[in-house]
Amino acid sequence: MDLVNVRHEGGLCFSVNVRNHRFLVDMAEDEGGSDKGPSPAEILVAAFGSCVGAHIARYCQTAKIPHEGMELNLTFQTTKEGTRIRISNLVGDISLPQDPGPRSKAVMSAGENCIIRNTLARGPEIDLDLDI
């Protein structure tokens, strides 16, 4: 199992350490944070987009389809259900440098096979413990 360490840095800001990488996650100022980094929801959406993009890029490399400079523009909406808030809608627009023609369906299929999409679609088992 891979380890991701999340450490409180003050306020609503946390540092995330994974492998040899470190970045900050924080809430926007209008949500009580210091805006020192993207919000947790934005990180989730970015992980989804990066995963879809990586799978499409891998397929395009193998199929010799031009993909350098590919962009994914993602938007999301949240909804409140009682006291809980969740992402209710996630929309992505994928732009390749040229039309993949008859391979468009295969390109989309590659993107739809990413681990983040599969996890969000099915929902993981989550087990949290409080160590005191």
C-alpha atoms as a PDB file:
ATOM      1  CA  MET A   1       0.000   0.000   0.000  1.00  0.00           C
ATOM      2  CA  ASP A   2       1.378   3.435  -0.946  1.00  0.00           C
ATOM      3  CA  LEU A   3       1.846   6.011   1.831  1.00  0.00           C
ATOM      4  CA  VAL A   4       0.612   9.585   1.526  1.00  0.00           C
ATOM      5  CA  ASN A   5       1.399  11.733   4.589  1.00  0.00           C
ATOM      6  CA  VAL A   6      -0.842  14.737   5.307  1.00  0.00           C
ATOM      7  CA  ARG A   7       0.332  17.144   8.032  1.00  0.00           C
ATOM      8  CA  HIS A   8      -1.512  20.128   9.511  1.00  0.00           C
ATOM      9  CA  GLU A   9       0.404  23.357   8.859  1.00  0.00           C
ATOM     10  CA  GLY A  10      -2.004  25.754  10.588  1.00  0.00           C
ATOM     11  CA  GLY A  11      -5.469  27.090   9.925  1.00  0.00           C
ATOM     12  CA  LEU A  12      -6.996  24.969   7.183  1.00  0.00           C
ATOM     13  CA  CYS A  13      -3.652  24.376   5.415  1.00  0.00           C
ATOM     14  CA  PHE A  14      -2.056  20.931   5.143  1.00  0.00           C
ATOM     15  CA  SER A  15       1.178  19.756   3.561  1.00  0.00           C
ATOM     16  CA  VAL A  16       1.011  16.578   1.525  1.00  0.00           C
ATOM     17  CA  ASN A  17       4.073  14.363   1.168  1.00  0.00           C
ATOM     18  CA  VAL A  18       4.062  11.526  -1.328  1.00  0.00           C
ATOM     19  CA  ARG A  19       7.221   9.808  -2.565  1.00  0.00           C
ATOM     20  CA  ASN A  20       9.669  12.707  -3.044  1.00  0.00           C
ATOM     21  CA  HIS A  21       6.991  15.357  -3.612  1.00  0.00           C
ATOM     22  CA  ARG A  22       5.502  17.951  -1.275  1.00  0.00           C
ATOM     23  CA  PHE A  23       2.658  20.384  -1.897  1.00  0.00           C
ATOM     24  CA  LEU A  24       0.155  22.422   0.088  1.00  0.00           C
ATOM     25  CA  VAL A  25      -3.602  22.010   0.192  1.00  0.00           C
ATOM     26  CA  ASP A  26      -5.689  24.841   1.631  1.00  0.00           C
ATOM     27  CA  MET A  27      -9.118  26.361   1.432  1.00  0.00           C
ATOM     28  CA  ALA A  28      -9.841  29.635  -0.348  1.00  0.00           C
ATOM     29  CA  GLU A  29      -9.950  32.780   1.786  1.00  0.00           C
ATOM     30  CA  ASP A  30     -13.721  33.079   1.377  1.00  0.00           C
ATOM     31  CA  GLU A  31     -13.995  29.574   2.867  1.00  0.00           C
ATOM     32  CA  GLY A  32     -11.849  30.382   5.912  1.00  0.00           C
ATOM     33  CA  GLY A  33      -8.474  29.319   4.539  1.00  0.00           C
ATOM     34  CA  SER A  34      -5.307  31.157   3.525  1.00  0.00           C
ATOM     35  CA  ASP A  35      -5.385  30.076  -0.147  1.00  0.00           C
ATOM     36  CA  LYS A  36      -1.818  28.705   0.013  1.00  0.00           C
ATOM     37  CA  GLY A  37      -2.759  25.894  -2.350  1.00  0.00           C
ATOM     38  CA  PRO A  38      -5.671  24.241  -4.112  1.00  0.00           C
ATOM     39  CA  SER A  39      -8.604  22.964  -2.059  1.00  0.00           C
ATOM     40  CA  PRO A  40      -9.093  19.242  -1.440  1.00  0.00           C
ATOM     41  CA  ALA A  41     -11.950  19.192  -3.977  1.00  0.00           C
ATOM     42  CA  GLU A  42      -9.749  20.908  -6.579  1.00  0.00           C
ATOM     43  CA  ILE A  43      -6.997  18.345  -5.929  1.00  0.00           C
ATOM     44  CA  LEU A  44      -9.513  15.529  -6.467  1.00  0.00           C
ATOM     45  CA  VAL A  45     -10.678  17.043  -9.757  1.00  0.00           C
ATOM     46  CA  ALA A  46      -7.044  17.638 -10.802  1.00  0.00           C
ATOM     47  CA  ALA A  47      -6.198  14.003  -9.959  1.00  0.00           C
ATOM     48  CA  PHE A  48      -9.121  12.873 -12.113  1.00  0.00           C
ATOM     49  CA  GLY A  49      -8.076  15.078 -15.049  1.00  0.00           C
ATOM     50  CA  SER A  50      -4.411  14.095 -14.778  1.00  0.00           C
ATOM     51  CA  CYS A  51      -5.329  10.419 -14.666  1.00  0.00           C
ATOM     52  CA  VAL A  52      -7.622  10.658 -17.707  1.00  0.00           C
ATOM     53  CA  GLY A  53      -4.934  12.656 -19.526  1.00  0.00           C
ATOM     54  CA  ALA A  54      -2.177  10.159 -18.690  1.00  0.00           C
ATOM     55  CA  HIS A  55      -4.247   7.251 -20.019  1.00  0.00           C
ATOM     56  CA  ILE A  56      -5.087   9.131 -23.203  1.00  0.00           C
ATOM     57  CA  ALA A  57      -1.430  10.138 -23.666  1.00  0.00           C
ATOM     58  CA  ARG A  58      -0.287   6.535 -23.186  1.00  0.00           C
ATOM     59  CA  TYR A  59      -2.776   5.328 -25.808  1.00  0.00           C
ATOM     60  CA  CYS A  60      -1.825   8.127 -28.209  1.00  0.00           C
ATOM     61  CA  GLN A  61       1.884   7.289 -27.832  1.00  0.00           C
ATOM     62  CA  THR A  62       1.221   3.649 -28.677  1.00  0.00           C
ATOM     63  CA  ALA A  63      -1.145   4.484 -31.557  1.00  0.00           C
ATOM     64  CA  LYS A  64       1.142   7.259 -32.855  1.00  0.00           C
ATOM     65  CA  ILE A  65      -1.604   9.885 -32.472  1.00  0.00           C
ATOM     66  CA  PRO A  66      -0.347  13.461 -31.929  1.00  0.00           C
ATOM     67  CA  HIS A  67      -1.131  14.519 -28.359  1.00  0.00           C
ATOM     68  CA  GLU A  68       1.603  16.963 -27.274  1.00  0.00           C
ATOM     69  CA  GLY A  69      -0.082  20.003 -25.761  1.00  0.00           C
ATOM     70  CA  MET A  70      -3.306  18.113 -25.024  1.00  0.00           C
ATOM     71  CA  GLU A  71      -5.483  19.998 -22.544  1.00  0.00           C
ATOM     72  CA  LEU A  72      -8.286  18.929 -20.274  1.00  0.00           C
ATOM     73  CA  ASN A  73     -10.559  21.663 -18.941  1.00  0.00           C
ATOM     74  CA  LEU A  74     -12.590  20.481 -15.980  1.00  0.00           C
ATOM     75  CA  THR A  75     -15.442  22.072 -14.101  1.00  0.00           C
ATOM     76  CA  PHE A  76     -17.291  20.761 -11.095  1.00  0.00           C
ATOM     77  CA  GLN A  77     -20.318  21.594  -9.006  1.00  0.00           C
ATOM     78  CA  THR A  78     -21.003  20.753  -5.397  1.00  0.00           C
ATOM     79  CA  THR A  79     -24.257  19.966  -3.687  1.00  0.00           C
ATOM     80  CA  LYS A  80     -25.257  19.964  -0.046  1.00  0.00           C
ATOM     81  CA  GLU A  81     -27.095  16.919   1.273  1.00  0.00           C
ATOM     82  CA  GLY A  82     -28.101  17.615   4.848  1.00  0.00           C
ATOM     83  CA  THR A  83     -24.860  18.610   6.578  1.00  0.00           C
ATOM     84  CA  ARG A  84     -22.632  16.978   3.947  1.00  0.00           C
ATOM     85  CA  ILE A  85     -21.221  18.541   0.794  1.00  0.00           C
ATOM     86  CA  ARG A  86     -20.077  16.494  -2.171  1.00  0.00           C
ATOM     87  CA  ILE A  87     -19.092  16.959  -5.788  1.00  0.00           C
ATOM     88  CA  SER A  88     -22.289  16.298  -7.702  1.00  0.00           C
ATOM     89  CA  ASN A  89     -21.183  17.046 -11.246  1.00  0.00           C
ATOM     90  CA  LEU A  90     -17.836  16.816 -13.003  1.00  0.00           C
ATOM     91  CA  VAL A  91     -17.474  17.809 -16.660  1.00  0.00           C
ATOM     92  CA  GLY A  92     -14.314  17.517 -18.715  1.00  0.00           C
ATOM     93  CA  ASP A  93     -13.505  18.825 -22.184  1.00  0.00           C
ATOM     94  CA  ILE A  94     -10.480  17.207 -23.828  1.00  0.00           C
ATOM     95  CA  SER A  95      -8.580  19.026 -26.581  1.00  0.00           C
ATOM     96  CA  LEU A  96      -6.060  17.192 -28.740  1.00  0.00           C
ATOM     97  CA  PRO A  97      -3.840  19.014 -31.242  1.00  0.00           C
ATOM     98  CA  GLN A  98      -5.672  17.267 -34.087  1.00  0.00           C
ATOM     99  CA  ASP A  99      -8.749  15.118 -34.571  1.00  0.00           C
ATOM    100  CA  PRO A 100      -7.904  11.418 -33.999  1.00  0.00           C
ATOM    101  CA  GLY A 101     -10.541  10.524 -36.612  1.00  0.00           C
ATOM    102  CA  PRO A 102     -11.675   6.896 -36.459  1.00  0.00           C
ATOM    103  CA  ARG A 103      -9.653   6.398 -33.270  1.00  0.00           C
ATOM    104  CA  SER A 104     -11.717   8.944 -31.289  1.00  0.00           C
ATOM    105  CA  LYS A 105     -13.720   6.229 -29.547  1.00  0.00           C
ATOM    106  CA  ALA A 106     -10.534   4.360 -28.567  1.00  0.00           C
ATOM    107  CA  VAL A 107      -9.007   7.594 -27.237  1.00  0.00           C
ATOM    108  CA  MET A 108     -12.073   8.182 -25.056  1.00  0.00           C
ATOM    109  CA  SER A 109     -12.097   4.556 -23.941  1.00  0.00           C
ATOM    110  CA  ALA A 110      -8.485   4.898 -22.802  1.00  0.00           C
ATOM    111  CA  GLY A 111      -9.348   8.007 -20.774  1.00  0.00           C
ATOM    112  CA  GLU A 112     -12.370   6.346 -19.223  1.00  0.00           C
ATOM    113  CA  ASN A 113     -10.186   3.507 -17.934  1.00  0.00           C
ATOM    114  CA  CYS A 114      -8.201   5.566 -15.408  1.00  0.00           C
ATOM    115  CA  ILE A 115      -7.989   4.483 -11.758  1.00  0.00           C
ATOM    116  CA  ILE A 116      -9.477   7.730 -10.404  1.00  0.00           C
ATOM    117  CA  ARG A 117     -12.534   7.534 -12.664  1.00  0.00           C
ATOM    118  CA  ASN A 118     -13.029   3.869 -11.802  1.00  0.00           C
ATOM    119  CA  THR A 119     -12.713   4.656  -8.081  1.00  0.00           C
ATOM    120  CA  LEU A 120     -15.179   7.559  -8.210  1.00  0.00           C
ATOM    121  CA  ALA A 121     -17.646   5.535 -10.262  1.00  0.00           C
ATOM    122  CA  ARG A 122     -17.647   2.608  -7.842  1.00  0.00           C
ATOM    123  CA  GLY A 123     -16.678   4.200  -4.528  1.00  0.00           C
ATOM    124  CA  PRO A 124     -13.901   2.770  -2.371  1.00  0.00           C
ATOM    125  CA  GLU A 125     -14.258   1.257   1.070  1.00  0.00           C
ATOM    126  CA  ILE A 126     -13.001   3.905   3.488  1.00  0.00           C
ATOM    127  CA  ASP A 127     -11.738   3.090   6.976  1.00  0.00           C
ATOM    128  CA  LEU A 128     -10.591   5.953   9.215  1.00  0.00           C
ATOM    129  CA  ASP A 129      -9.120   5.406  12.699  1.00  0.00           C
ATOM    130  CA  LEU A 130      -8.350   8.026  15.344  1.00  0.00           C
ATOM    131  CA  ASP A 131      -4.966   7.302  16.942  1.00  0.00           C
ATOM    132  CA  ILE A 132      -4.648   8.996  20.308  1.00  0.00           C
END
